[in-house]
N, C-alpha and C. Protein backbone atom coordinates (compact mmCIF):
# COMPACT_ATOMS: atom_id res chain seq x y z
N UNK A 1 -12.06 20.81 -12.16
CA UNK A 1 -10.59 20.96 -12.38
C UNK A 1 -10.16 19.97 -13.54
N UNK A 2 -9.43 20.53 -14.52
CA UNK A 2 -9.07 19.73 -15.64
C UNK A 2 -7.54 19.23 -15.39
N UNK A 3 -7.07 18.50 -16.40
CA UNK A 3 -5.74 18.03 -16.40
C UNK A 3 -4.75 19.25 -16.54
N UNK A 4 -3.57 19.15 -15.94
CA UNK A 4 -2.59 20.27 -16.18
C UNK A 4 -1.93 19.95 -17.45
N UNK A 5 -1.18 20.97 -17.99
CA UNK A 5 -0.51 20.70 -19.20
C UNK A 5 0.57 19.64 -19.05
N UNK A 6 1.22 19.47 -17.91
CA UNK A 6 2.15 18.36 -17.68
C UNK A 6 1.42 17.06 -17.71
N UNK A 7 0.22 17.03 -17.12
CA UNK A 7 -0.51 15.71 -17.11
C UNK A 7 -0.97 15.43 -18.53
N UNK A 8 -1.31 16.39 -19.24
CA UNK A 8 -1.78 16.07 -20.65
C UNK A 8 -0.65 15.57 -21.54
N UNK A 9 0.53 16.15 -21.36
CA UNK A 9 1.72 15.60 -21.99
C UNK A 9 2.00 14.14 -21.64
N UNK A 10 1.82 13.84 -20.39
CA UNK A 10 2.13 12.51 -19.91
C UNK A 10 1.14 11.52 -20.40
N UNK A 11 -0.17 11.83 -20.35
CA UNK A 11 -1.19 10.96 -20.79
C UNK A 11 -1.23 10.72 -22.27
N UNK A 12 -0.76 11.86 -23.09
CA UNK A 12 -0.64 11.78 -24.49
C UNK A 12 0.38 10.74 -24.90
N UNK A 13 1.44 10.61 -24.12
CA UNK A 13 2.56 9.64 -24.36
C UNK A 13 2.04 8.22 -24.19
N UNK A 14 1.07 8.05 -23.33
CA UNK A 14 0.47 6.69 -23.15
C UNK A 14 -0.57 6.41 -24.25
N UNK A 15 -0.18 6.34 -25.44
CA UNK A 15 -1.00 6.35 -26.66
C UNK A 15 -1.67 5.01 -27.01
N UNK A 16 -1.48 3.95 -26.24
CA UNK A 16 -2.05 2.71 -26.55
C UNK A 16 -2.19 1.96 -25.15
N UNK A 17 -3.09 0.90 -25.17
CA UNK A 17 -3.30 0.16 -23.92
C UNK A 17 -2.00 -0.50 -23.49
N UNK A 18 -1.11 -0.91 -24.37
CA UNK A 18 0.05 -1.53 -23.88
C UNK A 18 1.03 -0.53 -23.33
N UNK A 19 0.94 0.72 -23.78
CA UNK A 19 1.82 1.75 -23.12
C UNK A 19 1.30 2.05 -21.68
N UNK A 20 -0.02 2.05 -21.59
CA UNK A 20 -0.57 2.24 -20.21
C UNK A 20 -0.12 1.06 -19.26
N UNK A 21 -0.16 -0.08 -19.86
CA UNK A 21 0.32 -1.31 -19.08
C UNK A 21 1.76 -1.10 -18.71
N UNK A 22 2.60 -0.71 -19.63
CA UNK A 22 3.99 -0.49 -19.39
C UNK A 22 4.24 0.52 -18.23
N UNK A 23 3.49 1.56 -18.19
CA UNK A 23 3.56 2.50 -17.09
C UNK A 23 3.18 1.81 -15.80
N UNK A 24 2.12 1.11 -15.76
CA UNK A 24 1.73 0.44 -14.53
C UNK A 24 2.75 -0.57 -14.00
N UNK A 25 3.37 -1.25 -14.94
CA UNK A 25 4.38 -2.20 -14.60
C UNK A 25 5.61 -1.59 -14.00
N UNK A 26 5.76 -0.34 -14.41
CA UNK A 26 7.12 0.34 -14.07
C UNK A 26 7.04 0.94 -12.69
N UNK A 27 5.82 1.18 -12.06
CA UNK A 27 5.65 1.88 -10.82
C UNK A 27 5.60 0.84 -9.66
N UNK A 28 5.72 1.36 -8.49
CA UNK A 28 5.67 0.54 -7.18
C UNK A 28 4.25 0.06 -6.96
N UNK A 29 4.21 -1.17 -6.37
CA UNK A 29 2.95 -1.66 -5.87
C UNK A 29 2.64 -0.95 -4.52
N UNK A 30 1.42 -0.40 -4.36
CA UNK A 30 1.00 0.35 -3.17
C UNK A 30 0.30 -0.70 -2.25
N UNK A 31 0.99 -1.02 -1.09
CA UNK A 31 0.31 -2.08 -0.12
C UNK A 31 -0.64 -1.48 0.82
N UNK A 32 -0.82 -0.13 0.77
CA UNK A 32 -1.77 0.58 1.73
C UNK A 32 -3.20 0.41 1.44
N UNK A 33 -4.04 0.22 2.44
CA UNK A 33 -5.55 0.14 2.28
C UNK A 33 -6.13 1.40 2.03
N UNK A 34 -6.00 1.97 0.80
CA UNK A 34 -6.54 3.28 0.45
C UNK A 34 -6.90 3.12 -1.07
N UNK A 35 -7.65 4.13 -1.56
CA UNK A 35 -7.98 4.12 -2.97
C UNK A 35 -7.92 5.57 -3.43
N UNK A 36 -6.85 5.83 -4.20
CA UNK A 36 -6.54 7.22 -4.65
C UNK A 36 -6.79 7.33 -6.11
N UNK A 37 -6.86 8.60 -6.55
CA UNK A 37 -7.28 8.88 -8.00
C UNK A 37 -6.13 8.65 -8.96
N UNK A 38 -6.53 8.62 -10.27
CA UNK A 38 -5.52 8.59 -11.30
C UNK A 38 -4.50 9.65 -11.25
N UNK A 39 -4.86 10.99 -10.87
CA UNK A 39 -3.98 12.06 -10.68
C UNK A 39 -2.92 11.59 -9.63
N UNK A 40 -3.35 11.04 -8.48
CA UNK A 40 -2.47 10.71 -7.37
C UNK A 40 -1.55 9.59 -7.87
N UNK A 41 -2.01 8.64 -8.65
CA UNK A 41 -1.09 7.66 -9.23
C UNK A 41 0.03 8.23 -10.10
N UNK A 42 -0.28 9.17 -10.93
CA UNK A 42 0.68 9.91 -11.74
C UNK A 42 1.70 10.59 -10.87
N UNK A 43 1.25 11.25 -9.79
CA UNK A 43 2.10 11.97 -8.98
C UNK A 43 3.03 11.11 -8.11
N UNK A 44 2.41 10.03 -7.54
CA UNK A 44 3.13 9.26 -6.55
C UNK A 44 3.88 8.07 -7.21
N UNK A 45 3.51 7.71 -8.47
CA UNK A 45 4.13 6.57 -9.14
C UNK A 45 4.02 5.32 -8.34
N UNK A 46 2.80 5.12 -7.83
CA UNK A 46 2.49 3.96 -6.99
C UNK A 46 0.98 3.65 -7.14
N UNK A 47 0.74 2.29 -7.13
CA UNK A 47 -0.72 1.90 -7.21
C UNK A 47 -0.88 0.42 -6.83
N UNK A 48 -2.01 0.12 -6.24
CA UNK A 48 -2.44 -1.20 -6.06
C UNK A 48 -3.44 -1.66 -7.14
N UNK A 49 -4.02 -2.80 -7.21
CA UNK A 49 -4.76 -3.20 -8.39
C UNK A 49 -5.97 -2.29 -8.55
N UNK A 50 -6.71 -1.92 -7.57
CA UNK A 50 -7.82 -1.04 -7.76
C UNK A 50 -7.45 0.31 -8.29
N UNK A 51 -6.36 0.99 -7.61
CA UNK A 51 -5.89 2.22 -8.15
C UNK A 51 -5.38 2.16 -9.61
N UNK A 52 -4.67 0.96 -9.86
CA UNK A 52 -4.19 0.82 -11.18
C UNK A 52 -5.30 0.63 -12.23
N UNK A 53 -6.40 0.00 -11.80
CA UNK A 53 -7.54 -0.10 -12.72
C UNK A 53 -8.20 1.22 -12.99
N UNK A 54 -8.40 1.99 -11.95
CA UNK A 54 -8.94 3.37 -12.14
C UNK A 54 -8.02 4.23 -13.00
N UNK A 55 -6.64 4.15 -12.80
CA UNK A 55 -5.82 4.96 -13.63
C UNK A 55 -5.87 4.40 -15.09
N UNK A 56 -5.85 3.18 -15.35
CA UNK A 56 -5.93 2.65 -16.70
C UNK A 56 -7.17 3.05 -17.38
N UNK A 57 -8.28 3.02 -16.61
CA UNK A 57 -9.67 3.45 -17.17
C UNK A 57 -9.56 4.93 -17.61
N UNK A 58 -9.02 5.75 -16.69
CA UNK A 58 -8.88 7.14 -17.01
C UNK A 58 -7.97 7.43 -18.22
N UNK A 59 -6.83 6.70 -18.28
CA UNK A 59 -5.93 6.84 -19.50
C UNK A 59 -6.52 6.39 -20.66
N UNK A 60 -7.25 5.31 -20.67
CA UNK A 60 -7.93 4.75 -21.73
C UNK A 60 -9.00 5.79 -22.25
N UNK A 61 -9.65 6.38 -21.39
CA UNK A 61 -10.72 7.40 -21.69
C UNK A 61 -9.98 8.52 -22.43
N UNK A 62 -8.86 8.92 -21.93
CA UNK A 62 -8.24 10.09 -22.60
C UNK A 62 -7.92 9.83 -23.99
N UNK A 63 -7.78 8.49 -24.34
CA UNK A 63 -7.52 8.14 -25.72
C UNK A 63 -8.80 7.61 -26.43
N UNK A 64 -9.91 7.93 -25.87
CA UNK A 64 -11.19 7.73 -26.68
C UNK A 64 -11.96 6.40 -26.29
N UNK A 65 -11.50 5.63 -25.33
CA UNK A 65 -12.25 4.50 -24.91
C UNK A 65 -13.19 4.90 -23.72
N UNK A 66 -14.12 4.03 -23.45
CA UNK A 66 -15.02 4.22 -22.31
C UNK A 66 -14.17 3.79 -21.06
N UNK A 67 -14.37 4.58 -19.94
CA UNK A 67 -13.64 4.08 -18.71
C UNK A 67 -14.43 3.08 -17.98
N UNK A 68 -14.05 1.77 -18.27
CA UNK A 68 -14.76 0.62 -17.69
C UNK A 68 -13.87 -0.16 -16.74
N UNK A 69 -14.40 -0.67 -15.70
CA UNK A 69 -13.61 -1.60 -14.84
C UNK A 69 -14.50 -2.80 -14.48
N UNK A 70 -13.88 -3.92 -14.24
CA UNK A 70 -14.49 -5.10 -13.94
C UNK A 70 -13.91 -5.67 -12.61
N UNK A 71 -14.72 -6.14 -11.72
CA UNK A 71 -14.28 -6.72 -10.47
C UNK A 71 -14.30 -8.24 -10.54
N UNK A 72 -13.22 -8.88 -10.16
CA UNK A 72 -13.20 -10.30 -10.10
C UNK A 72 -13.03 -10.75 -8.55
N UNK A 73 -13.97 -11.55 -8.09
CA UNK A 73 -13.89 -12.03 -6.72
C UNK A 73 -13.15 -13.37 -6.61
N UNK A 74 -12.54 -13.50 -5.49
CA UNK A 74 -11.63 -14.72 -5.15
C UNK A 74 -12.00 -15.26 -3.89
N UNK A 75 -11.62 -16.53 -3.68
CA UNK A 75 -11.75 -17.26 -2.40
C UNK A 75 -10.42 -17.31 -1.76
N UNK A 76 -10.35 -16.91 -0.48
CA UNK A 76 -9.10 -16.97 0.25
C UNK A 76 -8.04 -16.27 -0.41
N UNK A 77 -8.27 -15.14 -0.98
CA UNK A 77 -7.30 -14.39 -1.84
C UNK A 77 -7.82 -12.98 -1.97
N UNK A 78 -6.95 -12.08 -2.47
CA UNK A 78 -7.56 -10.75 -2.90
C UNK A 78 -8.37 -10.83 -4.07
N UNK A 79 -9.41 -9.94 -4.03
CA UNK A 79 -10.12 -9.68 -5.32
C UNK A 79 -9.25 -8.91 -6.28
N UNK A 80 -9.59 -8.83 -7.45
CA UNK A 80 -8.82 -8.16 -8.46
C UNK A 80 -9.70 -7.29 -9.39
N UNK A 81 -9.28 -6.04 -9.65
CA UNK A 81 -10.09 -5.17 -10.53
C UNK A 81 -9.18 -4.81 -11.79
N UNK A 82 -9.78 -4.81 -12.91
CA UNK A 82 -9.11 -4.55 -14.13
C UNK A 82 -9.80 -3.48 -14.86
N UNK A 83 -9.22 -2.74 -15.75
CA UNK A 83 -9.77 -1.81 -16.67
C UNK A 83 -9.96 -2.66 -18.01
N UNK A 84 -11.10 -2.65 -18.60
CA UNK A 84 -11.40 -3.34 -19.89
C UNK A 84 -11.66 -2.30 -20.94
N UNK A 85 -11.39 -2.80 -22.16
CA UNK A 85 -11.63 -1.95 -23.36
C UNK A 85 -11.98 -2.86 -24.49
N UNK A 86 -12.56 -2.27 -25.58
CA UNK A 86 -12.88 -3.04 -26.74
C UNK A 86 -12.18 -2.55 -28.08
N UNK A 87 -11.69 -3.42 -28.88
CA UNK A 87 -11.23 -3.05 -30.17
C UNK A 87 -11.86 -3.92 -31.17
N UNK A 88 -12.53 -3.36 -32.16
CA UNK A 88 -13.27 -4.17 -33.14
C UNK A 88 -14.18 -5.21 -32.43
N UNK A 89 -14.87 -4.80 -31.42
CA UNK A 89 -15.85 -5.65 -30.79
C UNK A 89 -15.25 -6.74 -29.86
N UNK A 90 -13.92 -6.80 -29.66
CA UNK A 90 -13.32 -7.76 -28.85
C UNK A 90 -12.73 -7.10 -27.52
N UNK A 91 -12.76 -7.82 -26.48
CA UNK A 91 -12.38 -7.23 -25.21
C UNK A 91 -10.90 -7.56 -24.82
N UNK A 92 -10.22 -6.53 -24.12
CA UNK A 92 -8.86 -6.63 -23.71
C UNK A 92 -8.86 -5.97 -22.31
N UNK A 93 -7.74 -6.03 -21.64
CA UNK A 93 -7.67 -5.56 -20.29
C UNK A 93 -6.28 -4.98 -20.05
N UNK A 94 -6.22 -3.95 -19.15
CA UNK A 94 -5.01 -3.38 -18.58
C UNK A 94 -5.19 -3.44 -17.02
N UNK A 95 -4.11 -3.89 -16.33
CA UNK A 95 -4.25 -4.09 -14.86
C UNK A 95 -2.94 -3.87 -14.17
N UNK A 96 -3.06 -3.44 -12.91
CA UNK A 96 -1.92 -3.52 -12.01
C UNK A 96 -2.01 -4.61 -11.09
N UNK A 97 -1.02 -5.42 -10.86
CA UNK A 97 -1.12 -6.53 -9.92
C UNK A 97 0.21 -6.86 -9.33
N UNK A 98 0.13 -7.34 -8.13
CA UNK A 98 1.34 -7.89 -7.45
C UNK A 98 1.81 -9.17 -7.91
N UNK A 99 0.96 -9.77 -8.83
CA UNK A 99 1.30 -11.04 -9.54
C UNK A 99 1.49 -10.82 -11.00
N UNK A 100 2.57 -11.23 -11.58
CA UNK A 100 2.83 -10.91 -13.01
C UNK A 100 1.84 -11.51 -13.88
N UNK A 101 1.11 -12.57 -13.45
CA UNK A 101 0.13 -13.28 -14.35
C UNK A 101 -1.19 -12.64 -14.45
N UNK A 102 -1.42 -11.59 -13.79
CA UNK A 102 -2.82 -11.03 -13.64
C UNK A 102 -2.90 -9.58 -14.30
N UNK A 103 -2.17 -9.29 -15.36
CA UNK A 103 -2.00 -8.00 -15.78
C UNK A 103 -2.74 -7.79 -17.20
N UNK A 104 -1.96 -7.52 -18.16
CA UNK A 104 -2.41 -7.14 -19.56
C UNK A 104 -3.07 -8.34 -20.24
N UNK A 105 -4.19 -8.09 -20.98
CA UNK A 105 -4.68 -9.00 -22.00
C UNK A 105 -4.96 -8.37 -23.24
N UNK A 106 -4.58 -9.03 -24.33
CA UNK A 106 -4.86 -8.42 -25.79
C UNK A 106 -6.33 -8.45 -25.93
N UNK A 107 -6.74 -7.44 -26.81
CA UNK A 107 -8.23 -7.44 -27.17
C UNK A 107 -8.63 -8.46 -28.20
N UNK A 108 -8.64 -9.74 -27.78
CA UNK A 108 -9.03 -10.84 -28.59
C UNK A 108 -10.19 -11.63 -28.04
N UNK A 109 -10.86 -11.18 -27.02
CA UNK A 109 -11.82 -12.08 -26.34
C UNK A 109 -13.20 -11.50 -26.71
N UNK A 110 -14.07 -12.46 -27.03
CA UNK A 110 -15.35 -12.11 -27.64
C UNK A 110 -16.41 -11.59 -26.59
N UNK A 111 -16.20 -11.94 -25.35
CA UNK A 111 -17.08 -11.59 -24.26
C UNK A 111 -16.33 -11.23 -23.00
N UNK A 112 -16.91 -10.47 -22.10
CA UNK A 112 -16.22 -10.18 -20.82
C UNK A 112 -15.92 -11.52 -20.15
N UNK A 113 -16.87 -12.49 -20.05
CA UNK A 113 -16.59 -13.74 -19.44
C UNK A 113 -15.36 -14.44 -20.02
N UNK A 114 -15.33 -14.41 -21.33
CA UNK A 114 -14.16 -15.14 -22.00
C UNK A 114 -12.81 -14.43 -21.56
N UNK A 115 -12.81 -13.10 -21.49
CA UNK A 115 -11.63 -12.31 -20.97
C UNK A 115 -11.41 -12.77 -19.59
N UNK A 116 -12.35 -12.72 -18.65
CA UNK A 116 -12.10 -13.14 -17.29
C UNK A 116 -11.58 -14.58 -17.14
N UNK A 117 -12.11 -15.43 -17.95
CA UNK A 117 -11.58 -16.93 -17.86
C UNK A 117 -10.14 -16.98 -18.28
N UNK A 118 -9.62 -15.99 -19.12
CA UNK A 118 -8.19 -16.08 -19.37
C UNK A 118 -7.22 -15.92 -18.19
N UNK A 119 -7.90 -15.42 -17.09
CA UNK A 119 -7.14 -15.24 -15.85
C UNK A 119 -7.19 -16.48 -14.89
N UNK A 120 -8.04 -17.43 -15.27
CA UNK A 120 -8.31 -18.44 -14.16
C UNK A 120 -7.20 -19.26 -13.82
N UNK A 121 -6.44 -19.82 -14.71
CA UNK A 121 -5.31 -20.65 -14.30
C UNK A 121 -4.14 -19.90 -13.72
N UNK A 122 -4.16 -18.63 -13.83
CA UNK A 122 -3.04 -17.79 -13.40
C UNK A 122 -3.36 -17.03 -12.12
N UNK A 123 -4.63 -17.26 -11.65
CA UNK A 123 -5.06 -16.48 -10.41
C UNK A 123 -5.13 -17.47 -9.23
N UNK A 124 -4.03 -17.36 -8.48
CA UNK A 124 -3.80 -18.33 -7.35
C UNK A 124 -3.21 -17.59 -6.09
N UNK A 125 -3.46 -18.11 -4.95
CA UNK A 125 -2.94 -17.48 -3.82
C UNK A 125 -1.50 -18.01 -3.41
N UNK A 126 -0.93 -17.58 -2.29
CA UNK A 126 0.49 -17.97 -2.01
C UNK A 126 0.55 -19.55 -1.76
N UNK A 127 -0.65 -20.20 -1.45
CA UNK A 127 -0.57 -21.70 -1.32
C UNK A 127 -0.66 -22.39 -2.71
N UNK A 128 -0.86 -21.58 -3.73
CA UNK A 128 -0.99 -22.23 -5.01
C UNK A 128 -2.44 -22.61 -5.37
N UNK A 129 -3.34 -22.30 -4.49
CA UNK A 129 -4.80 -22.59 -4.73
C UNK A 129 -5.42 -21.68 -5.71
N UNK A 130 -6.07 -22.17 -6.72
CA UNK A 130 -6.70 -21.36 -7.87
C UNK A 130 -7.95 -20.79 -7.24
N UNK A 131 -8.02 -19.46 -7.24
CA UNK A 131 -9.04 -18.84 -6.29
C UNK A 131 -10.04 -17.99 -6.96
N UNK A 132 -9.99 -17.76 -8.31
CA UNK A 132 -11.01 -16.95 -8.94
C UNK A 132 -12.38 -17.66 -8.88
N UNK A 133 -13.44 -16.90 -8.50
CA UNK A 133 -14.77 -17.44 -8.35
C UNK A 133 -15.94 -16.80 -9.19
N UNK A 134 -15.70 -15.45 -9.40
CA UNK A 134 -16.86 -14.70 -10.05
C UNK A 134 -16.45 -13.36 -10.53
N UNK A 135 -17.30 -12.73 -11.32
CA UNK A 135 -16.97 -11.44 -11.92
C UNK A 135 -18.22 -10.65 -12.06
N UNK A 136 -18.16 -9.35 -12.17
CA UNK A 136 -19.35 -8.43 -12.51
C UNK A 136 -19.20 -7.88 -13.92
N UNK A 137 -20.28 -7.35 -14.38
CA UNK A 137 -20.31 -6.69 -15.64
C UNK A 137 -19.54 -5.41 -15.53
N UNK A 138 -18.98 -4.85 -16.66
CA UNK A 138 -18.23 -3.65 -16.60
C UNK A 138 -18.97 -2.47 -16.01
N UNK A 139 -18.26 -1.79 -15.07
CA UNK A 139 -18.90 -0.58 -14.44
C UNK A 139 -18.36 0.67 -15.17
N UNK A 140 -19.20 1.50 -15.64
CA UNK A 140 -18.83 2.75 -16.38
C UNK A 140 -18.55 3.89 -15.45
N UNK A 141 -17.33 4.29 -15.37
CA UNK A 141 -16.93 5.30 -14.38
C UNK A 141 -17.38 6.78 -14.69
N UNK A 142 -18.04 6.95 -15.82
CA UNK A 142 -18.54 8.27 -16.16
C UNK A 142 -19.60 8.64 -15.09
N UNK A 143 -20.26 7.62 -14.47
CA UNK A 143 -21.26 7.95 -13.54
C UNK A 143 -20.71 8.72 -12.29
N UNK A 144 -19.46 8.77 -12.17
CA UNK A 144 -18.74 9.52 -11.00
C UNK A 144 -18.09 10.71 -11.45
N UNK A 145 -18.34 11.12 -12.59
CA UNK A 145 -17.72 12.40 -13.11
C UNK A 145 -18.00 13.60 -12.33
N UNK A 146 -19.21 13.70 -11.73
CA UNK A 146 -19.57 14.85 -10.93
C UNK A 146 -18.73 14.89 -9.63
N UNK A 147 -18.13 13.72 -9.28
CA UNK A 147 -17.34 13.66 -8.05
C UNK A 147 -15.86 13.93 -8.34
N UNK A 148 -15.55 14.10 -9.67
CA UNK A 148 -14.23 14.39 -10.04
C UNK A 148 -13.25 13.16 -9.73
N UNK A 149 -13.65 11.98 -9.99
CA UNK A 149 -12.89 10.79 -9.60
C UNK A 149 -11.50 10.70 -10.20
N UNK A 150 -11.32 11.32 -11.30
CA UNK A 150 -10.03 11.19 -11.99
C UNK A 150 -8.97 12.05 -11.34
N UNK A 151 -9.38 13.16 -10.69
CA UNK A 151 -8.43 14.15 -10.26
C UNK A 151 -8.49 14.52 -8.78
N UNK A 152 -9.47 14.04 -8.06
CA UNK A 152 -9.73 14.31 -6.66
C UNK A 152 -8.63 13.93 -5.73
N UNK A 153 -8.51 14.64 -4.61
CA UNK A 153 -7.55 14.24 -3.48
C UNK A 153 -8.30 13.30 -2.48
N UNK A 154 -9.63 13.12 -2.68
CA UNK A 154 -10.36 12.31 -1.76
C UNK A 154 -10.25 10.84 -2.06
N UNK A 155 -10.43 10.07 -1.09
CA UNK A 155 -10.43 8.53 -1.29
C UNK A 155 -11.62 8.11 -2.13
N UNK A 156 -11.38 7.14 -2.95
CA UNK A 156 -12.39 6.65 -3.91
C UNK A 156 -13.02 5.33 -3.55
N UNK A 157 -13.01 5.04 -2.25
CA UNK A 157 -13.59 3.75 -1.71
C UNK A 157 -14.99 3.61 -2.11
N UNK A 158 -15.72 4.69 -2.38
CA UNK A 158 -17.09 4.49 -2.71
C UNK A 158 -17.29 3.79 -4.06
N UNK A 159 -16.27 3.81 -4.93
CA UNK A 159 -16.41 3.02 -6.19
C UNK A 159 -16.25 1.48 -5.86
N UNK A 160 -15.33 1.21 -4.92
CA UNK A 160 -15.27 -0.10 -4.44
C UNK A 160 -16.52 -0.64 -3.83
N UNK A 161 -17.14 0.27 -3.04
CA UNK A 161 -18.50 -0.09 -2.35
C UNK A 161 -19.50 -0.43 -3.47
N UNK A 162 -19.47 0.32 -4.47
CA UNK A 162 -20.48 0.10 -5.57
C UNK A 162 -20.21 -1.26 -6.29
N UNK A 163 -18.94 -1.62 -6.53
CA UNK A 163 -18.61 -2.86 -7.03
C UNK A 163 -19.13 -4.00 -6.26
N UNK A 164 -19.08 -3.86 -4.92
CA UNK A 164 -19.51 -4.87 -3.99
C UNK A 164 -21.03 -5.17 -4.13
N UNK A 165 -21.80 -4.07 -4.55
CA UNK A 165 -23.30 -4.28 -4.72
C UNK A 165 -23.63 -4.90 -5.97
N UNK A 166 -22.80 -5.01 -6.97
CA UNK A 166 -23.06 -5.50 -8.30
C UNK A 166 -23.27 -7.01 -8.32
N UNK A 167 -24.16 -7.45 -9.12
CA UNK A 167 -24.18 -8.97 -9.25
C UNK A 167 -22.90 -9.49 -9.87
N UNK A 168 -22.43 -10.58 -9.25
CA UNK A 168 -21.24 -11.30 -9.69
C UNK A 168 -21.64 -12.61 -10.30
N UNK A 169 -21.13 -12.98 -11.43
CA UNK A 169 -21.46 -14.21 -12.16
C UNK A 169 -20.35 -15.32 -11.76
N UNK A 170 -20.86 -16.43 -11.41
CA UNK A 170 -19.93 -17.52 -11.09
C UNK A 170 -19.15 -17.96 -12.33
N UNK A 171 -17.87 -18.32 -12.13
CA UNK A 171 -17.12 -18.87 -13.19
C UNK A 171 -16.83 -20.37 -13.01
N UNK A 172 -17.17 -20.97 -11.92
CA UNK A 172 -16.87 -22.27 -11.58
C UNK A 172 -17.94 -22.85 -10.60
N UNK A 173 -18.29 -24.09 -10.73
CA UNK A 173 -19.27 -24.68 -9.83
C UNK A 173 -18.59 -25.36 -8.69
N UNK A 174 -19.43 -25.66 -7.59
CA UNK A 174 -18.83 -26.37 -6.43
C UNK A 174 -18.17 -27.60 -6.69
N UNK A 175 -18.76 -28.35 -7.65
CA UNK A 175 -18.18 -29.63 -8.01
C UNK A 175 -16.80 -29.43 -8.62
N UNK A 176 -16.64 -28.40 -9.53
CA UNK A 176 -15.40 -28.08 -10.12
C UNK A 176 -14.33 -27.70 -9.05
N UNK A 177 -14.78 -26.88 -8.10
CA UNK A 177 -13.84 -26.39 -7.02
C UNK A 177 -13.16 -27.50 -6.38
N UNK A 178 -13.90 -28.64 -6.05
CA UNK A 178 -13.47 -29.77 -5.41
C UNK A 178 -12.29 -30.57 -6.18
N UNK A 179 -12.29 -30.38 -7.51
CA UNK A 179 -11.37 -31.09 -8.38
C UNK A 179 -10.19 -30.26 -8.88
N UNK A 180 -10.10 -28.97 -8.43
CA UNK A 180 -9.07 -28.13 -8.85
C UNK A 180 -7.73 -28.63 -8.42
N UNK A 181 -6.72 -28.52 -9.27
CA UNK A 181 -5.22 -28.71 -8.87
C UNK A 181 -4.57 -27.42 -8.51
N UNK A 182 -3.57 -27.52 -7.74
CA UNK A 182 -2.75 -26.33 -7.35
C UNK A 182 -1.90 -25.90 -8.51
N UNK A 183 -1.53 -24.54 -8.47
CA UNK A 183 -0.52 -24.10 -9.36
C UNK A 183 0.78 -24.74 -9.07
N UNK A 184 1.55 -25.05 -10.06
CA UNK A 184 2.87 -25.64 -9.87
C UNK A 184 3.89 -24.61 -9.19
N UNK A 185 4.91 -25.16 -8.68
CA UNK A 185 5.99 -24.29 -8.07
C UNK A 185 6.49 -23.33 -8.97
N UNK A 186 6.76 -23.86 -10.16
CA UNK A 186 7.25 -22.94 -11.27
C UNK A 186 6.33 -21.81 -11.52
N UNK A 187 5.01 -22.10 -11.68
CA UNK A 187 4.06 -21.08 -11.87
C UNK A 187 3.98 -20.06 -10.81
N UNK A 188 3.97 -20.63 -9.57
CA UNK A 188 3.90 -19.68 -8.39
C UNK A 188 5.11 -18.76 -8.32
N UNK A 189 6.29 -19.27 -8.58
CA UNK A 189 7.47 -18.39 -8.63
C UNK A 189 7.37 -17.34 -9.68
N UNK A 190 6.90 -17.79 -10.91
CA UNK A 190 6.75 -16.84 -11.98
C UNK A 190 5.77 -15.73 -11.69
N UNK A 191 4.60 -16.12 -11.05
CA UNK A 191 3.62 -15.19 -10.71
C UNK A 191 4.02 -14.23 -9.66
N UNK A 192 4.92 -14.59 -8.81
CA UNK A 192 5.45 -13.61 -7.70
C UNK A 192 6.68 -12.82 -8.08
N UNK A 193 7.14 -12.97 -9.28
CA UNK A 193 8.34 -12.29 -9.73
C UNK A 193 8.19 -10.83 -9.50
N UNK A 194 8.98 -10.22 -8.67
CA UNK A 194 9.03 -8.78 -8.44
C UNK A 194 7.92 -8.38 -7.47
N UNK A 195 7.23 -9.29 -6.76
CA UNK A 195 6.18 -8.83 -5.92
C UNK A 195 6.55 -8.03 -4.73
N UNK A 196 5.76 -7.14 -4.23
CA UNK A 196 5.89 -6.48 -2.99
C UNK A 196 5.41 -7.26 -1.92
N UNK A 197 6.23 -7.86 -1.08
CA UNK A 197 5.79 -8.78 -0.04
C UNK A 197 4.75 -8.16 0.85
N UNK A 198 4.94 -6.85 1.16
CA UNK A 198 4.03 -6.15 2.07
C UNK A 198 2.53 -6.12 1.53
N UNK A 199 2.41 -6.26 0.23
CA UNK A 199 1.06 -6.20 -0.37
C UNK A 199 0.42 -7.54 -0.72
N UNK A 200 1.13 -8.67 -0.32
CA UNK A 200 0.65 -9.98 -0.65
C UNK A 200 -0.48 -10.47 0.29
N UNK A 201 -1.53 -11.03 -0.17
CA UNK A 201 -2.65 -11.54 0.62
C UNK A 201 -2.06 -12.76 1.33
N UNK A 202 -2.31 -12.96 2.64
CA UNK A 202 -1.89 -14.08 3.38
C UNK A 202 -3.04 -15.09 3.58
N UNK A 203 -3.11 -16.12 2.72
CA UNK A 203 -4.22 -17.03 2.77
C UNK A 203 -4.32 -17.86 4.20
N UNK A 204 -5.51 -18.20 4.53
CA UNK A 204 -5.65 -19.00 5.72
C UNK A 204 -5.19 -20.46 5.44
């Protein structure tokens, strides 16, 4: 099943990574433990970070990019999934997040690790603890084309299961963890601006 004419018109209007980000910023945060397709996101105007990453990867693909996602693992916090893309050999990202600080990144980073590290100081839980710990290499979603991942009505949790099996590279040592400072109150308030409380991870 292909995109409908209405969907093609909609995707055509999202003609750049920042326009895709603007769309994700404009829709509701989905607090439900499910994983729906990009078609579902367009229809329902709702997404959590995983659904947002899948949508962004699909929209980027529509405009000629490879549909790539990266998983970032956290301690005592939600993991985060982003769609990544390259311009002139440099990496950028589009993402849906309940935190304002974990979304778009310009394509100015030389490596995926460098891109991921741009999130480090802004990735914290409700206690202000900086929680990012590791990341995986980009997963190319074309491997799931036979399952119609972009337009299916089925749950896409199997993609999340695959991310769990991938090797994740540490971004911080145990010694560094013990010396981390907490995010400031100002940064915490800024990060939570407009958050959906129902979707917030409750740290121990």
